[in-house]
Amino acid sequence: MVWIFRVLFTISVVAAGVALFFFLVGLQDGSVSSFNMMLWMGLLAVVLAVPAGGYALHACNHPWASVAVLLVTALPAFVYLLFILAVLIFQPRWN
């Protein structure tokens, strides 16, 4: 059970890091502005709260609840990674 938590926690932290990276790059190039700042704040709040909540639940000895919380970001991130790998391996024609 611990290895499942560790894998999902790692994927969630990487997904949070990617979202934070795109936010910081958007701040630098001006694509994150006052117009969409609240959308970014909401997205970052959820993406950063999921690993924190999963870790807190795991620390309180609730392993299944922590896995369920971590699946919120880990599952879509893993599916997207599989999609990118499939595109790189199979090199589909998009026309």
C-alpha atoms as a PDB file:
ATOM      1  CA  MET A   1       0.000   0.000   0.000  1.00  0.00           C
ATOM      2  CA  VAL A   2       2.865   2.355   0.745  1.00  0.00           C
ATOM      3  CA  TRP A   3       4.313   2.018  -2.758  1.00  0.00           C
ATOM      4  CA  ILE A   4       0.977   3.018  -4.310  1.00  0.00           C
ATOM      5  CA  PHE A   5       0.949   6.150  -2.161  1.00  0.00           C
ATOM      6  CA  ARG A   6       4.529   6.981  -3.089  1.00  0.00           C
ATOM      7  CA  VAL A   7       3.941   6.581  -6.815  1.00  0.00           C
ATOM      8  CA  LEU A   8       0.742   8.648  -6.772  1.00  0.00           C
ATOM      9  CA  PHE A   9       2.320  11.280  -4.522  1.00  0.00           C
ATOM     10  CA  THR A  10       5.294  11.603  -6.874  1.00  0.00           C
ATOM     11  CA  ILE A  11       3.044  11.971  -9.922  1.00  0.00           C
ATOM     12  CA  SER A  12       0.911  14.575  -8.116  1.00  0.00           C
ATOM     13  CA  VAL A  13       3.941  16.595  -7.034  1.00  0.00           C
ATOM     14  CA  VAL A  14       5.354  16.530 -10.574  1.00  0.00           C
ATOM     15  CA  ALA A  15       1.978  17.659 -11.952  1.00  0.00           C
ATOM     16  CA  ALA A  16       1.905  20.486  -9.403  1.00  0.00           C
ATOM     17  CA  GLY A  17       5.436  21.466 -10.402  1.00  0.00           C
ATOM     18  CA  VAL A  18       4.490  21.562 -14.081  1.00  0.00           C
ATOM     19  CA  ALA A  19       1.452  23.764 -13.341  1.00  0.00           C
ATOM     20  CA  LEU A  20       3.593  26.084 -11.212  1.00  0.00           C
ATOM     21  CA  PHE A  21       6.226  26.254 -13.971  1.00  0.00           C
ATOM     22  CA  PHE A  22       3.640  27.267 -16.574  1.00  0.00           C
ATOM     23  CA  PHE A  23       2.233  29.858 -14.160  1.00  0.00           C
ATOM     24  CA  LEU A  24       5.649  31.419 -13.599  1.00  0.00           C
ATOM     25  CA  VAL A  25       6.443  31.416 -17.319  1.00  0.00           C
ATOM     26  CA  GLY A  26       3.042  33.009 -17.971  1.00  0.00           C
ATOM     27  CA  LEU A  27       3.782  35.721 -15.440  1.00  0.00           C
ATOM     28  CA  GLN A  28       7.073  36.417 -17.142  1.00  0.00           C
ATOM     29  CA  ASP A  29       5.753  36.624 -20.698  1.00  0.00           C
ATOM     30  CA  GLY A  30       2.536  38.411 -19.798  1.00  0.00           C
ATOM     31  CA  SER A  31       0.014  35.701 -20.708  1.00  0.00           C
ATOM     32  CA  VAL A  32      -1.053  35.504 -17.054  1.00  0.00           C
ATOM     33  CA  SER A  33      -2.692  38.842 -16.413  1.00  0.00           C
ATOM     34  CA  SER A  34      -5.286  40.334 -14.110  1.00  0.00           C
ATOM     35  CA  PHE A  35      -7.946  39.059 -16.518  1.00  0.00           C
ATOM     36  CA  ASN A  36      -7.204  35.385 -15.830  1.00  0.00           C
ATOM     37  CA  MET A  37      -5.386  35.585 -12.501  1.00  0.00           C
ATOM     38  CA  MET A  38      -8.319  34.167 -10.521  1.00  0.00           C
ATOM     39  CA  LEU A  39      -8.482  31.139 -12.820  1.00  0.00           C
ATOM     40  CA  TRP A  40      -4.797  30.506 -12.242  1.00  0.00           C
ATOM     41  CA  MET A  41      -5.131  30.949  -8.485  1.00  0.00           C
ATOM     42  CA  GLY A  42      -7.973  28.423  -8.367  1.00  0.00           C
ATOM     43  CA  LEU A  43      -6.057  25.940 -10.488  1.00  0.00           C
ATOM     44  CA  LEU A  44      -2.903  26.285  -8.423  1.00  0.00           C
ATOM     45  CA  ALA A  45      -4.843  26.024  -5.160  1.00  0.00           C
ATOM     46  CA  VAL A  46      -6.347  22.694  -6.198  1.00  0.00           C
ATOM     47  CA  VAL A  47      -3.176  21.314  -7.747  1.00  0.00           C
ATOM     48  CA  LEU A  48      -1.082  22.201  -4.688  1.00  0.00           C
ATOM     49  CA  ALA A  49      -3.734  21.187  -2.137  1.00  0.00           C
ATOM     50  CA  VAL A  50      -4.091  17.651  -3.479  1.00  0.00           C
ATOM     51  CA  PRO A  51      -0.552  16.456  -2.606  1.00  0.00           C
ATOM     52  CA  ALA A  52      -0.722  18.307   0.716  1.00  0.00           C
ATOM     53  CA  GLY A  53      -4.061  16.704   1.563  1.00  0.00           C
ATOM     54  CA  GLY A  54      -2.889  13.278   0.462  1.00  0.00           C
ATOM     55  CA  TYR A  55       0.221  13.560   2.599  1.00  0.00           C
ATOM     56  CA  ALA A  56      -1.774  14.777   5.605  1.00  0.00           C
ATOM     57  CA  LEU A  57      -4.214  11.877   5.291  1.00  0.00           C
ATOM     58  CA  HIS A  58      -1.358   9.405   4.950  1.00  0.00           C
ATOM     59  CA  ALA A  59       0.322  10.865   8.031  1.00  0.00           C
ATOM     60  CA  CYS A  60      -2.947  10.421   9.978  1.00  0.00           C
ATOM     61  CA  ASN A  61      -3.006   6.728   8.996  1.00  0.00           C
ATOM     62  CA  HIS A  62      -5.792   6.936   6.404  1.00  0.00           C
ATOM     63  CA  PRO A  63      -4.076   5.199   3.459  1.00  0.00           C
ATOM     64  CA  TRP A  64      -7.107   4.598   1.244  1.00  0.00           C
ATOM     65  CA  ALA A  65      -8.378   8.144   1.658  1.00  0.00           C
ATOM     66  CA  SER A  66      -4.935   9.515   0.781  1.00  0.00           C
ATOM     67  CA  VAL A  67      -4.800   7.359  -2.351  1.00  0.00           C
ATOM     68  CA  ALA A  68      -8.269   8.553  -3.372  1.00  0.00           C
ATOM     69  CA  VAL A  69      -7.269  12.198  -2.941  1.00  0.00           C
ATOM     70  CA  LEU A  70      -4.025  11.756  -4.864  1.00  0.00           C
ATOM     71  CA  LEU A  71      -5.840  10.092  -7.749  1.00  0.00           C
ATOM     72  CA  VAL A  72      -7.551  13.436  -8.489  1.00  0.00           C
ATOM     73  CA  THR A  73      -4.381  14.788 -10.095  1.00  0.00           C
ATOM     74  CA  ALA A  74      -2.259  11.668 -10.583  1.00  0.00           C
ATOM     75  CA  LEU A  75      -4.673   9.818 -12.853  1.00  0.00           C
ATOM     76  CA  PRO A  76      -5.170  12.615 -15.440  1.00  0.00           C
ATOM     77  CA  ALA A  77      -1.444  13.404 -15.394  1.00  0.00           C
ATOM     78  CA  PHE A  78      -0.561   9.741 -15.979  1.00  0.00           C
ATOM     79  CA  VAL A  79      -3.100   9.386 -18.807  1.00  0.00           C
ATOM     80  CA  TYR A  80      -1.697  12.526 -20.460  1.00  0.00           C
ATOM     81  CA  LEU A  81       1.831  11.121 -20.129  1.00  0.00           C
ATOM     82  CA  LEU A  82       0.679   7.929 -21.857  1.00  0.00           C
ATOM     83  CA  PHE A  83      -0.875  10.017 -24.641  1.00  0.00           C
ATOM     84  CA  ILE A  84       2.348  11.972 -25.197  1.00  0.00           C
ATOM     85  CA  LEU A  85       4.379   8.759 -25.229  1.00  0.00           C
ATOM     86  CA  ALA A  86       1.981   7.200 -27.741  1.00  0.00           C
ATOM     87  CA  VAL A  87       2.310  10.238 -30.015  1.00  0.00           C
ATOM     88  CA  LEU A  88       6.092  10.079 -29.802  1.00  0.00           C
ATOM     89  CA  ILE A  89       6.267   6.335 -30.418  1.00  0.00           C
ATOM     90  CA  PHE A  90       3.615   5.871 -33.116  1.00  0.00           C
ATOM     91  CA  GLN A  91       4.067   9.265 -34.831  1.00  0.00           C
ATOM     92  CA  PRO A  92       0.528   9.570 -36.180  1.00  0.00           C
ATOM     93  CA  ARG A  93      -0.410  11.604 -39.232  1.00  0.00           C
ATOM     94  CA  TRP A  94      -2.755  14.425 -38.169  1.00  0.00           C
ATOM     95  CA  ASN A  95      -4.095  15.343 -41.625  1.00  0.00           C
END
